[in-house]
PDB file of N, CA and C in Angstrom:
ATOM      1  N   UNK A   1      79.738  77.983 107.182  1.00  0.00           N
ATOM      2  CA  UNK A   1      80.933  78.799 107.915  1.00  0.00           C
ATOM      3  C   UNK A   1      80.929  80.223 107.554  1.00  0.00           C
ATOM      4  N   UNK A   2      81.054  81.017 108.390  1.00  0.00           N
ATOM      5  CA  UNK A   2      81.100  82.479 108.406  1.00  0.00           C
ATOM      6  C   UNK A   2      82.519  82.912 107.969  1.00  0.00           C
ATOM      7  N   UNK A   3      82.460  84.090 107.056  1.00  0.00           N
ATOM      8  CA  UNK A   3      83.639  84.469 106.470  1.00  0.00           C
ATOM      9  C   UNK A   3      84.394  85.725 107.307  1.00  0.00           C
ATOM     10  N   UNK A   4      85.598  85.518 107.507  1.00  0.00           N
ATOM     11  CA  UNK A   4      86.267  86.753 108.274  1.00  0.00           C
ATOM     12  C   UNK A   4      86.634  87.746 107.039  1.00  0.00           C
ATOM     13  N   UNK A   5      85.929  88.772 107.115  1.00  0.00           N
ATOM     14  CA  UNK A   5      86.147  89.855 106.260  1.00  0.00           C
ATOM     15  C   UNK A   5      87.069  90.861 106.515  1.00  0.00           C
ATOM     16  N   UNK A   6      87.622  90.793 107.728  1.00  0.00           N
ATOM     17  CA  UNK A   6      88.765  91.660 108.068  1.00  0.00           C
ATOM     18  C   UNK A   6      90.014  91.473 107.539  1.00  0.00           C
ATOM     19  N   UNK A   7      90.244  90.376 106.605  1.00  0.00           N
ATOM     20  CA  UNK A   7      91.459  89.989 106.098  1.00  0.00           C
ATOM     21  C   UNK A   7      91.525  90.338 104.794  1.00  0.00           C
ATOM     22  N   UNK A   8      90.687  90.996 104.182  1.00  0.00           N
ATOM     23  CA  UNK A   8      90.563  91.203 102.656  1.00  0.00           C
ATOM     24  C   UNK A   8      90.115  92.581 102.290  1.00  0.00           C
ATOM     25  N   UNK A   9      90.204  92.850 100.987  1.00  0.00           N
ATOM     26  CA  UNK A   9      89.711  94.091 100.486  1.00  0.00           C
ATOM     27  C   UNK A   9      88.540  93.784  99.634  1.00  0.00           C
ATOM     28  N   UNK A  10      87.371  94.476  99.734  1.00  0.00           N
ATOM     29  CA  UNK A  10      86.282  94.039  99.109  1.00  0.00           C
ATOM     30  C   UNK A  10      85.741  95.308  98.206  1.00  0.00           C
ATOM     31  N   UNK A  11      84.869  94.980  97.270  1.00  0.00           N
ATOM     32  CA  UNK A  11      84.330  96.051  96.375  1.00  0.00           C
ATOM     33  C   UNK A  11      83.651  97.163  97.341  1.00  0.00           C
ATOM     34  N   UNK A  12      83.528  98.348  96.825  1.00  0.00           N
ATOM     35  CA  UNK A  12      82.804  99.274  97.632  1.00  0.00           C
ATOM     36  C   UNK A  12      82.022 100.184  96.825  1.00  0.00           C
ATOM     37  N   UNK A  13      80.829 100.505  97.138  1.00  0.00           N
ATOM     38  CA  UNK A  13      80.091 101.298  96.127  1.00  0.00           C
ATOM     39  C   UNK A  13      79.236 102.386  97.053  1.00  0.00           C
ATOM     40  N   UNK A  14      79.511 103.633  96.769  1.00  0.00           N
ATOM     41  CA  UNK A  14      78.785 104.778  97.544  1.00  0.00           C
ATOM     42  C   UNK A  14      77.400 104.675  97.130  1.00  0.00           C
ATOM     43  N   UNK A  15      76.329 104.840  97.831  1.00  0.00           N
ATOM     44  CA  UNK A  15      74.981 104.924  97.482  1.00  0.00           C
ATOM     45  C   UNK A  15      74.379 106.287  97.872  1.00  0.00           C
ATOM     46  N   UNK A  16      74.420 107.332  97.275  1.00  0.00           N
ATOM     47  CA  UNK A  16      74.176 108.789  97.637  1.00  0.00           C
ATOM     48  C   UNK A  16      72.671 108.871  97.896  1.00  0.00           C
ATOM     49  N   UNK A  17      71.742 107.961  97.791  1.00  0.00           N
ATOM     50  CA  UNK A  17      70.314 108.155  97.847  1.00  0.00           C
ATOM     51  C   UNK A  17      69.957 107.468  99.163  1.00  0.00           C
ATOM     52  N   UNK A  18      68.966 108.206  99.924  1.00  0.00           N
ATOM     53  CA  UNK A  18      68.378 107.549 101.015  1.00  0.00           C
ATOM     54  C   UNK A  18      67.359 106.437 100.830  1.00  0.00           C
ATOM     55  N   UNK A  19      67.239 105.503 101.718  1.00  0.00           N
ATOM     56  CA  UNK A  19      66.049 104.440 101.647  1.00  0.00           C
ATOM     57  C   UNK A  19      64.986 104.805 102.511  1.00  0.00           C
ATOM     58  N   UNK A  20      63.688 104.587 102.131  1.00  0.00           N
ATOM     59  CA  UNK A  20      62.614 104.706 102.902  1.00  0.00           C
ATOM     60  C   UNK A  20      61.977 103.387 103.075  1.00  0.00           C
ATOM     61  N   UNK A  21      61.705 102.905 104.246  1.00  0.00           N
ATOM     62  CA  UNK A  21      61.178 101.713 104.489  1.00  0.00           C
ATOM     63  C   UNK A  21      59.707 101.656 104.050  1.00  0.00           C
ATOM     64  N   UNK A  22      59.186 100.654 103.322  1.00  0.00           N
ATOM     65  CA  UNK A  22      57.864 100.605 102.773  1.00  0.00           C
ATOM     66  C   UNK A  22      57.135  99.540 103.490  1.00  0.00           C
ATOM     67  N   UNK A  23      57.535  98.658 104.306  1.00  0.00           N
ATOM     68  CA  UNK A  23      56.948  97.619 104.933  1.00  0.00           C
ATOM     69  C   UNK A  23      57.543  97.298 106.231  1.00  0.00           C
ATOM     70  N   UNK A  24      56.942  96.419 107.139  1.00  0.00           N
ATOM     71  CA  UNK A  24      57.590  95.946 108.310  1.00  0.00           C
ATOM     72  C   UNK A  24      58.260  94.707 108.230  1.00  0.00           C
ATOM     73  N   UNK A  25      59.388  94.869 107.384  1.00  0.00           N
ATOM     74  CA  UNK A  25      60.350  93.724 107.283  1.00  0.00           C
ATOM     75  C   UNK A  25      61.712  94.304 107.308  1.00  0.00           C
ATOM     76  N   UNK A  26      62.694  93.480 107.565  1.00  0.00           N
ATOM     77  CA  UNK A  26      64.103  94.019 107.477  1.00  0.00           C
ATOM     78  C   UNK A  26      64.511  94.232 106.071  1.00  0.00           C
ATOM     79  N   UNK A  27      65.446  95.122 105.913  1.00  0.00           N
ATOM     80  CA  UNK A  27      66.038  95.446 104.698  1.00  0.00           C
ATOM     81  C   UNK A  27      66.904  94.456 104.137  1.00  0.00           C
ATOM     82  N   UNK A  28      67.680  93.644 105.069  1.00  0.00           N
ATOM     83  CA  UNK A  28      68.477  92.606 104.786  1.00  0.00           C
ATOM     84  C   UNK A  28      67.742  91.297 105.214  1.00  0.00           C
ATOM     85  N   UNK A  29      67.419  90.420 104.324  1.00  0.00           N
ATOM     86  CA  UNK A  29      66.434  89.150 104.683  1.00  0.00           C
ATOM     87  C   UNK A  29      67.364  88.379 105.628  1.00  0.00           C
ATOM     88  N   UNK A  30      68.606  88.565 105.687  1.00  0.00           N
ATOM     89  CA  UNK A  30      69.402  87.572 106.508  1.00  0.00           C
ATOM     90  C   UNK A  30      69.813  88.282 107.844  1.00  0.00           C
ATOM     91  N   UNK A  31      68.903  89.033 108.319  1.00  0.00           N
ATOM     92  CA  UNK A  31      69.187  89.784 109.580  1.00  0.00           C
ATOM     93  C   UNK A  31      68.269  89.454 110.648  1.00  0.00           C
ATOM     94  N   UNK A  32      67.063  88.951 110.444  1.00  0.00           N
ATOM     95  CA  UNK A  32      66.095  88.280 111.375  1.00  0.00           C
ATOM     96  C   UNK A  32      65.683  87.059 110.912  1.00  0.00           C
ATOM     97  N   UNK A  33      65.613  85.967 112.060  1.00  0.00           N
ATOM     98  CA  UNK A  33      65.205  84.700 111.825  1.00  0.00           C
ATOM     99  C   UNK A  33      64.222  84.189 112.849  1.00  0.00           C
ATOM    100  N   UNK A  34      63.461  83.308 112.398  1.00  0.00           N
ATOM    101  CA  UNK A  34      62.237  82.916 113.317  1.00  0.00           C
ATOM    102  C   UNK A  34      62.621  81.802 114.264  1.00  0.00           C
ATOM    103  N   UNK A  35      63.791  81.339 114.100  1.00  0.00           N
ATOM    104  CA  UNK A  35      64.156  80.270 115.062  1.00  0.00           C
ATOM    105  C   UNK A  35      65.645  80.157 115.279  1.00  0.00           C
ATOM    106  N   UNK A  36      66.078  79.690 116.425  1.00  0.00           N
ATOM    107  CA  UNK A  36      67.478  79.594 116.688  1.00  0.00           C
ATOM    108  C   UNK A  36      68.108  78.672 115.639  1.00  0.00           C
ATOM    109  N   UNK A  37      67.296  77.564 115.186  1.00  0.00           N
ATOM    110  CA  UNK A  37      67.945  76.545 114.260  1.00  0.00           C
ATOM    111  C   UNK A  37      68.131  77.101 112.979  1.00  0.00           C
ATOM    112  N   UNK A  38      67.179  78.176 112.554  1.00  0.00           N
ATOM    113  CA  UNK A  38      67.514  78.769 111.152  1.00  0.00           C
ATOM    114  C   UNK A  38      68.580  79.743 111.246  1.00  0.00           C
ATOM    115  N   UNK A  39      68.771  80.532 112.453  1.00  0.00           N
ATOM    116  CA  UNK A  39      69.892  81.322 112.591  1.00  0.00           C
ATOM    117  C   UNK A  39      71.253  80.588 112.599  1.00  0.00           C
ATOM    118  N   UNK A  40      71.321  79.458 113.328  1.00  0.00           N
ATOM    119  CA  UNK A  40      72.550  78.710 113.400  1.00  0.00           C
ATOM    120  C   UNK A  40      72.826  78.201 112.030  1.00  0.00           C
ATOM    121  N   UNK A  41      71.840  77.595 111.302  1.00  0.00           N
ATOM    122  CA  UNK A  41      72.089  77.015 109.816  1.00  0.00           C
ATOM    123  C   UNK A  41      72.662  78.099 109.123  1.00  0.00           C
ATOM    124  N   UNK A  42      72.187  79.367 109.130  1.00  0.00           N
ATOM    125  CA  UNK A  42      72.565  80.540 108.365  1.00  0.00           C
ATOM    126  C   UNK A  42      74.085  80.791 108.665  1.00  0.00           C
ATOM    127  N   UNK A  43      74.307  81.015 110.046  1.00  0.00           N
ATOM    128  CA  UNK A  43      75.679  81.410 110.500  1.00  0.00           C
ATOM    129  C   UNK A  43      76.780  80.380 110.007  1.00  0.00           C
ATOM    130  N   UNK A  44      76.278  79.167 110.067  1.00  0.00           N
ATOM    131  CA  UNK A  44      77.378  78.083 109.838  1.00  0.00           C
ATOM    132  C   UNK A  44      77.480  77.544 108.348  1.00  0.00           C
ATOM    133  N   UNK A  45      76.513  77.940 107.477  1.00  0.00           N
ATOM    134  CA  UNK A  45      76.483  77.377 106.096  1.00  0.00           C
ATOM    135  C   UNK A  45      76.333  78.410 105.060  1.00  0.00           C
ATOM    136  N   UNK A  46      75.821  79.581 105.384  1.00  0.00           N
ATOM    137  CA  UNK A  46      75.536  80.506 104.461  1.00  0.00           C
ATOM    138  C   UNK A  46      76.720  81.131 104.011  1.00  0.00           C
ATOM    139  N   UNK A  47      77.138  81.324 102.599  1.00  0.00           N
ATOM    140  CA  UNK A  47      78.266  81.960 102.150  1.00  0.00           C
ATOM    141  C   UNK A  47      78.411  83.522 102.341  1.00  0.00           C
ATOM    142  N   UNK A  48      77.108  83.999 102.672  1.00  0.00           N
ATOM    143  CA  UNK A  48      77.125  85.482 102.761  1.00  0.00           C
ATOM    144  C   UNK A  48      77.243  85.896 104.454  1.00  0.00           C
ATOM    145  N   UNK A  49      77.197  84.801 105.331  1.00  0.00           N
ATOM    146  CA  UNK A  49      77.360  85.161 106.641  1.00  0.00           C
ATOM    147  C   UNK A  49      78.886  85.586 107.069  1.00  0.00           C
ATOM    148  N   UNK A  50      79.000  86.508 107.888  1.00  0.00           N
ATOM    149  CA  UNK A  50      80.414  86.998 108.171  1.00  0.00           C
ATOM    150  C   UNK A  50      80.505  87.132 109.626  1.00  0.00           C
ATOM    151  N   UNK A  51      81.986  87.166 110.216  1.00  0.00           N
ATOM    152  CA  UNK A  51      82.278  87.121 111.544  1.00  0.00           C
ATOM    153  C   UNK A  51      81.944  88.758 111.959  1.00  0.00           C
ATOM    154  N   UNK A  52      81.167  88.781 112.947  1.00  0.00           N
ATOM    155  CA  UNK A  52      80.872  90.244 113.495  1.00  0.00           C
ATOM    156  C   UNK A  52      79.386  90.701 113.104  1.00  0.00           C
ATOM    157  N   UNK A  53      78.913  89.692 112.213  1.00  0.00           N
ATOM    158  CA  UNK A  53      77.428  90.062 111.719  1.00  0.00           C
ATOM    159  C   UNK A  53      76.480  90.012 112.987  1.00  0.00           C
ATOM    160  N   UNK A  54      75.586  91.153 113.088  1.00  0.00           N
ATOM    161  CA  UNK A  54      74.611  91.023 114.157  1.00  0.00           C
ATOM    162  C   UNK A  54      73.220  90.459 113.452  1.00  0.00           C
ATOM    163  N   UNK A  55      72.678  89.619 114.094  1.00  0.00           N
ATOM    164  CA  UNK A  55      71.342  89.169 113.625  1.00  0.00           C
ATOM    165  C   UNK A  55      70.460  88.991 114.803  1.00  0.00           C
ATOM    166  N   UNK A  56      69.098  88.949 114.472  1.00  0.00           N
ATOM    167  CA  UNK A  56      68.165  88.825 115.630  1.00  0.00           C
ATOM    168  C   UNK A  56      67.425  87.443 115.281  1.00  0.00           C
ATOM    169  N   UNK A  57      66.930  86.981 116.445  1.00  0.00           N
ATOM    170  CA  UNK A  57      66.159  85.701 116.569  1.00  0.00           C
ATOM    171  C   UNK A  57      64.751  86.127 117.243  1.00  0.00           C
ATOM    172  N   UNK A  58      63.594  85.931 116.542  1.00  0.00           N
ATOM    173  CA  UNK A  58      62.441  86.299 117.173  1.00  0.00           C
ATOM    174  C   UNK A  58      61.743  84.891 117.438  1.00  0.00           C
ATOM    175  N   UNK A  59      61.603  84.540 118.735  1.00  0.00           N
ATOM    176  CA  UNK A  59      60.824  83.374 119.003  1.00  0.00           C
ATOM    177  C   UNK A  59      59.899  83.698 120.228  1.00  0.00           C
ATOM    178  N   UNK A  60      58.630  83.309 119.882  1.00  0.00           N
ATOM    179  CA  UNK A  60      57.420  83.437 120.791  1.00  0.00           C
ATOM    180  C   UNK A  60      57.135  85.013 121.001  1.00  0.00           C
ATOM    181  N   UNK A  61      57.371  85.652 119.926  1.00  0.00           N
ATOM    182  CA  UNK A  61      57.129  87.232 119.893  1.00  0.00           C
ATOM    183  C   UNK A  61      58.298  87.990 120.661  1.00  0.00           C
ATOM    184  N   UNK A  62      59.456  87.406 121.043  1.00  0.00           N
ATOM    185  CA  UNK A  62      60.412  88.110 121.657  1.00  0.00           C
ATOM    186  C   UNK A  62      61.779  88.138 120.850  1.00  0.00           C
ATOM    187  N   UNK A  63      62.516  89.066 120.780  1.00  0.00           N
ATOM    188  CA  UNK A  63      63.513  89.201 120.033  1.00  0.00           C
ATOM    189  C   UNK A  63      64.851  89.097 120.873  1.00  0.00           C
ATOM    190  N   UNK A  64      65.968  88.336 120.486  1.00  0.00           N
ATOM    191  CA  UNK A  64      67.231  88.253 121.100  1.00  0.00           C
ATOM    192  C   UNK A  64      68.230  88.636 119.935  1.00  0.00           C
ATOM    193  N   UNK A  65      69.168  89.425 120.238  1.00  0.00           N
ATOM    194  CA  UNK A  65      70.133  89.787 119.322  1.00  0.00           C
ATOM    195  C   UNK A  65      71.512  88.917 119.641  1.00  0.00           C
ATOM    196  N   UNK A  66      72.069  88.552 118.537  1.00  0.00           N
ATOM    197  CA  UNK A  66      73.270  87.821 118.571  1.00  0.00           C
ATOM    198  C   UNK A  66      74.208  88.359 117.471  1.00  0.00           C
ATOM    199  N   UNK A  67      75.518  88.129 117.578  1.00  0.00           N
ATOM    200  CA  UNK A  67      76.596  88.380 116.800  1.00  0.00           C
ATOM    201  C   UNK A  67      77.230  86.959 116.187  1.00  0.00           C
ATOM    202  N   UNK A  68      77.634  86.839 115.129  1.00  0.00           N
ATOM    203  CA  UNK A  68      78.445  85.647 114.724  1.00  0.00           C
ATOM    204  C   UNK A  68      79.868  85.903 115.157  1.00  0.00           C
ATOM    205  N   UNK A  69      80.298  85.051 116.092  1.00  0.00           N
ATOM    206  CA  UNK A  69      81.395  85.185 116.905  1.00  0.00           C
ATOM    207  C   UNK A  69      82.768  84.882 116.108  1.00  0.00           C
ATOM    208  N   UNK A  70      82.654  83.718 115.451  1.00  0.00           N
ATOM    209  CA  UNK A  70      83.838  83.142 114.816  1.00  0.00           C
ATOM    210  C   UNK A  70      83.673  82.628 113.416  1.00  0.00           C
ATOM    211  N   UNK A  71      84.636  82.054 112.747  1.00  0.00           N
ATOM    212  CA  UNK A  71      84.420  81.608 111.453  1.00  0.00           C
ATOM    213  C   UNK A  71      83.523  80.288 111.516  1.00  0.00           C
ATOM    214  N   UNK A  72      83.647  79.640 112.697  1.00  0.00           N
ATOM    215  CA  UNK A  72      82.683  78.376 112.673  1.00  0.00           C
ATOM    216  C   UNK A  72      81.162  78.682 112.692  1.00  0.00           C
ATOM    217  N   UNK A  73      80.930  79.974 112.800  1.00  0.00           N
ATOM    218  CA  UNK A  73      79.411  80.290 112.758  1.00  0.00           C
ATOM    219  C   UNK A  73      78.818  80.229 114.208  1.00  0.00           C
ATOM    220  N   UNK A  74      79.750  80.300 115.308  1.00  0.00           N
ATOM    221  CA  UNK A  74      79.087  80.301 116.633  1.00  0.00           C
ATOM    222  C   UNK A  74      78.271  81.547 116.947  1.00  0.00           C
ATOM    223  N   UNK A  75      77.125  81.603 117.471  1.00  0.00           N
ATOM    224  CA  UNK A  75      76.216  82.713 117.656  1.00  0.00           C
ATOM    225  C   UNK A  75      76.493  83.087 119.289  1.00  0.00           C
ATOM    226  N   UNK A  76      76.799  84.377 119.505  1.00  0.00           N
ATOM    227  CA  UNK A  76      76.798  84.916 120.985  1.00  0.00           C
ATOM    228  C   UNK A  76      75.809  85.887 121.088  1.00  0.00           C
ATOM    229  N   UNK A  77      75.206  85.620 122.284  1.00  0.00           N
ATOM    230  CA  UNK A  77      74.101  86.725 122.549  1.00  0.00           C
ATOM    231  C   UNK A  77      74.783  88.117 122.972  1.00  0.00           C
ATOM    232  N   UNK A  78      74.038  89.110 122.571  1.00  0.00           N
ATOM    233  CA  UNK A  78      74.554  90.554 122.864  1.00  0.00           C
ATOM    234  C   UNK A  78      73.672  91.096 123.719  1.00  0.00           C
ATOM    235  N   UNK A  79      74.206  91.923 124.719  1.00  0.00           N
ATOM    236  CA  UNK A  79      73.388  92.665 125.810  1.00  0.00           C
ATOM    237  C   UNK A  79      72.379  91.742 126.500  1.00  0.00           C
ATOM    238  N   UNK A  80      72.855  90.636 127.129  1.00  0.00           N
ATOM    239  CA  UNK A  80      71.960  89.826 127.897  1.00  0.00           C
ATOM    240  C   UNK A  80      72.440  89.929 129.272  1.00  0.00           C
ATOM    241  N   UNK A  81      73.684  90.451 129.517  1.00  0.00           N
ATOM    242  CA  UNK A  81      74.230  90.525 130.937  1.00  0.00           C
ATOM    243  C   UNK A  81      73.485  91.566 131.855  1.00  0.00           C
ATOM    244  N   UNK A  82      73.860  91.547 133.143  1.00  0.00           N
ATOM    245  CA  UNK A  82      73.413  92.660 133.843  1.00  0.00           C
ATOM    246  C   UNK A  82      74.406  93.751 133.961  1.00  0.00           C
ATOM    247  N   UNK A  83      74.066  94.864 133.101  1.00  0.00           N
ATOM    248  CA  UNK A  83      74.999  95.749 132.892  1.00  0.00           C
ATOM    249  C   UNK A  83      75.612  96.490 134.107  1.00  0.00           C
ATOM    250  N   UNK A  84      74.469  96.809 134.910  1.00  0.00           N
ATOM    251  CA  UNK A  84      74.845  97.428 136.347  1.00  0.00           C
ATOM    252  C   UNK A  84      75.634  96.716 137.065  1.00  0.00           C
ATOM    253  N   UNK A  85      75.472  95.494 137.269  1.00  0.00           N
ATOM    254  CA  UNK A  85      76.472  94.577 138.079  1.00  0.00           C
ATOM    255  C   UNK A  85      77.848  94.573 137.401  1.00  0.00           C
ATOM    256  N   UNK A  86      77.648  94.393 135.993  1.00  0.00           N
ATOM    257  CA  UNK A  86      78.917  94.032 135.288  1.00  0.00           C
ATOM    258  C   UNK A  86      79.980  95.580 135.442  1.00  0.00           C
ATOM    259  N   UNK A  87      79.214  96.690 135.115  1.00  0.00           N
ATOM    260  CA  UNK A  87      80.067  97.764 135.307  1.00  0.00           C
ATOM    261  C   UNK A  87      80.620  98.095 136.662  1.00  0.00           C
ATOM    262  N   UNK A  88      79.716  97.787 137.625  1.00  0.00           N
ATOM    263  CA  UNK A  88      80.088  98.044 139.095  1.00  0.00           C
ATOM    264  C   UNK A  88      81.268  97.124 139.459  1.00  0.00           C
ATOM    265  N   UNK A  89      81.295  95.818 138.955  1.00  0.00           N
ATOM    266  CA  UNK A  89      82.425  95.111 139.203  1.00  0.00           C
ATOM    267  C   UNK A  89      83.688  95.418 138.422  1.00  0.00           C
ATOM    268  N   UNK A  90      83.540  95.856 137.263  1.00  0.00           N
ATOM    269  CA  UNK A  90      84.601  96.529 136.599  1.00  0.00           C
ATOM    270  C   UNK A  90      85.198  97.658 137.270  1.00  0.00           C
ATOM    271  N   UNK A  91      84.516  98.479 137.679  1.00  0.00           N
ATOM    272  CA  UNK A  91      84.951  99.740 138.481  1.00  0.00           C
ATOM    273  C   UNK A  91      85.757  99.246 139.598  1.00  0.00           C
ATOM    274  N   UNK A  92      85.018  98.497 140.486  1.00  0.00           N
ATOM    275  CA  UNK A  92      85.718  98.123 141.634  1.00  0.00           C
ATOM    276  C   UNK A  92      87.035  97.615 141.438  1.00  0.00           C
ATOM    277  N   UNK A  93      87.021  96.692 140.311  1.00  0.00           N
ATOM    278  CA  UNK A  93      88.435  95.900 140.102  1.00  0.00           C
ATOM    279  C   UNK A  93      89.517  96.920 139.627  1.00  0.00           C
ATOM    280  N   UNK A  94      89.164  98.178 139.127  1.00  0.00           N
ATOM    281  CA  UNK A  94      90.082  98.948 138.740  1.00  0.00           C
ATOM    282  C   UNK A  94      90.480 100.137 139.631  1.00  0.00           C
ATOM    283  N   UNK A  95      89.682 100.066 140.687  1.00  0.00           N
ATOM    284  CA  UNK A  95      89.999 101.175 141.862  1.00  0.00           C
ATOM    285  C   UNK A  95      91.286 100.847 142.558  1.00  0.00           C
ATOM    286  N   UNK A  96      92.115 101.792 142.885  1.00  0.00           N
ATOM    287  CA  UNK A  96      93.202 101.584 143.600  1.00  0.00           C
ATOM    288  C   UNK A  96      92.862 101.420 145.215  1.00  0.00           C
ATOM    289  N   UNK A  97      93.572 100.620 145.901  1.00  0.00           N
ATOM    290  CA  UNK A  97      93.369 100.527 147.431  1.00  0.00           C
ATOM    291  C   UNK A  97      94.219 101.652 148.076  1.00  0.00           C
ATOM    292  N   UNK A  98      93.917 101.684 149.362  1.00  0.00           N
ATOM    293  CA  UNK A  98      94.448 102.778 150.293  1.00  0.00           C
ATOM    294  C   UNK A  98      96.147 102.837 150.160  1.00  0.00           C
ATOM    295  N   UNK A  99      96.725 101.664 150.221  1.00  0.00           N
ATOM    296  CA  UNK A  99      98.131 101.655 150.078  1.00  0.00           C
ATOM    297  C   UNK A  99      98.624 102.096 148.675  1.00  0.00           C
ATOM    298  N   UNK A 100      97.974 101.849 147.575  1.00  0.00           N
ATOM    299  CA  UNK A 100      98.408 102.284 146.244  1.00  0.00           C
ATOM    300  C   UNK A 100      98.273 103.879 146.224  1.00  0.00           C
ATOM    301  N   UNK A 101      97.125 104.406 146.692  1.00  0.00           N
ATOM    302  CA  UNK A 101      96.929 105.785 146.792  1.00  0.00           C
ATOM    303  C   UNK A 101      97.928 106.499 147.579  1.00  0.00           C
ATOM    304  N   UNK A 102      98.195 105.872 148.850  1.00  0.00           N
ATOM    305  CA  UNK A 102      99.209 106.631 149.705  1.00  0.00           C
ATOM    306  C   UNK A 102     100.615 106.537 148.946  1.00  0.00           C
ATOM    307  N   UNK A 103     100.910 105.564 148.323  1.00  0.00           N
ATOM    308  CA  UNK A 103     102.203 105.410 147.676  1.00  0.00           C
ATOM    309  C   UNK A 103     102.347 106.467 146.494  1.00  0.00           C
ATOM    310  N   UNK A 104     101.273 106.715 145.967  1.00  0.00           N
ATOM    311  CA  UNK A 104     101.172 107.723 144.682  1.00  0.00           C
ATOM    312  C   UNK A 104     101.428 109.184 145.461  1.00  0.00           C
ATOM    313  N   UNK A 105     100.751 109.436 146.469  1.00  0.00           N
ATOM    314  CA  UNK A 105     100.822 110.739 147.125  1.00  0.00           C
ATOM    315  C   UNK A 105     102.205 110.794 147.601  1.00  0.00           C
ATOM    316  N   UNK A 106     102.877 109.769 148.204  1.00  0.00           N
ATOM    317  CA  UNK A 106     104.246 109.865 148.662  1.00  0.00           C
ATOM    318  C   UNK A 106     105.202 110.206 147.595  1.00  0.00           C
ATOM    319  N   UNK A 107     105.042 109.741 146.407  1.00  0.00           N
ATOM    320  CA  UNK A 107     105.808 110.080 145.239  1.00  0.00           C
ATOM    321  C   UNK A 107     105.790 111.446 144.756  1.00  0.00           C
ATOM    322  N   UNK A 108     104.484 112.084 144.739  1.00  0.00           N
ATOM    323  CA  UNK A 108     104.227 113.467 144.475  1.00  0.00           C
ATOM    324  C   UNK A 108     104.581 114.419 145.587  1.00  0.00           C
ATOM    325  N   UNK A 109     104.317 114.288 146.803  1.00  0.00           N
ATOM    326  CA  UNK A 109     104.560 114.904 147.851  1.00  0.00           C
ATOM    327  C   UNK A 109     105.435 114.047 148.961  1.00  0.00           C
ATOM    328  N   UNK A 110     106.821 113.968 148.803  1.00  0.00           N
ATOM    329  CA  UNK A 110     107.543 113.252 149.553  1.00  0.00           C
ATOM    330  C   UNK A 110     107.613 113.885 151.007  1.00  0.00           C
ATOM    331  N   UNK A 111     107.784 112.909 152.139  1.00  0.00           N
ATOM    332  CA  UNK A 111     107.803 113.361 153.319  1.00  0.00           C
ATOM    333  C   UNK A 111     109.223 113.964 153.592  1.00  0.00           C
ATOM    334  N   UNK A 112     109.310 115.235 153.880  1.00  0.00           N
ATOM    335  CA  UNK A 112     110.495 116.010 153.873  1.00  0.00           C
ATOM    336  C   UNK A 112     111.497 115.542 155.302  1.00  0.00           C
ATOM    337  N   UNK A 113     110.700 115.104 156.219  1.00  0.00           N
ATOM    338  CA  UNK A 113     111.392 114.737 157.321  1.00  0.00           C
ATOM    339  C   UNK A 113     112.144 113.228 157.270  1.00  0.00           C
ATOM    340  N   UNK A 114     111.761 112.589 156.150  1.00  0.00           N
ATOM    341  CA  UNK A 114     112.415 111.244 155.921  1.00  0.00           C
ATOM    342  C   UNK A 114     113.596 111.371 155.025  1.00  0.00           C
ATOM    343  N   UNK A 115     114.763 111.161 155.700  1.00  0.00           N
ATOM    344  CA  UNK A 115     116.089 111.407 154.826  1.00  0.00           C
ATOM    345  C   UNK A 115     116.115 110.668 153.619  1.00  0.00           C
ATOM    346  N   UNK A 116     115.319 109.446 153.414  1.00  0.00           N
ATOM    347  CA  UNK A 116     115.524 108.669 152.271  1.00  0.00           C
ATOM    348  C   UNK A 116     114.692 109.212 151.076  1.00  0.00           C
ATOM    349  N   UNK A 117     113.772 110.300 151.336  1.00  0.00           N
ATOM    350  CA  UNK A 117     112.978 110.858 150.299  1.00  0.00           C
ATOM    351  C   UNK A 117     113.512 112.269 149.789  1.00  0.00           C
ATOM    352  N   UNK A 118     114.362 112.755 150.544  1.00  0.00           N
ATOM    353  CA  UNK A 118     114.938 113.972 150.334  1.00  0.00           C
ATOM    354  C   UNK A 118     116.178 114.043 149.644  1.00  0.00           C
TER     355      UNK A 118
END
């Protein structure tokens, strides 16, 4: 089970020295896994797993990034959607239609010939 660390205060240590990578391996041994099974086991049962943690799974030479979504240790893939389509749909959903635009213009520049707006 993953731990929700947003509910408590934990020890803090400043580390004023930089680190230099000496080999082709992760600095945190629990950040890259060789299978989804290993990643799920870690997220669901390791006491150091935490909600919001980002991990990678490398299968067949391809990496996929996940985050631990909740205290149950559910893994959620990150960055796998079609960003161009998703952003386009989001923008379209937020755009005002012609009637809304005309209503806003009417509030700023009332029709002076209409007795109700003067």
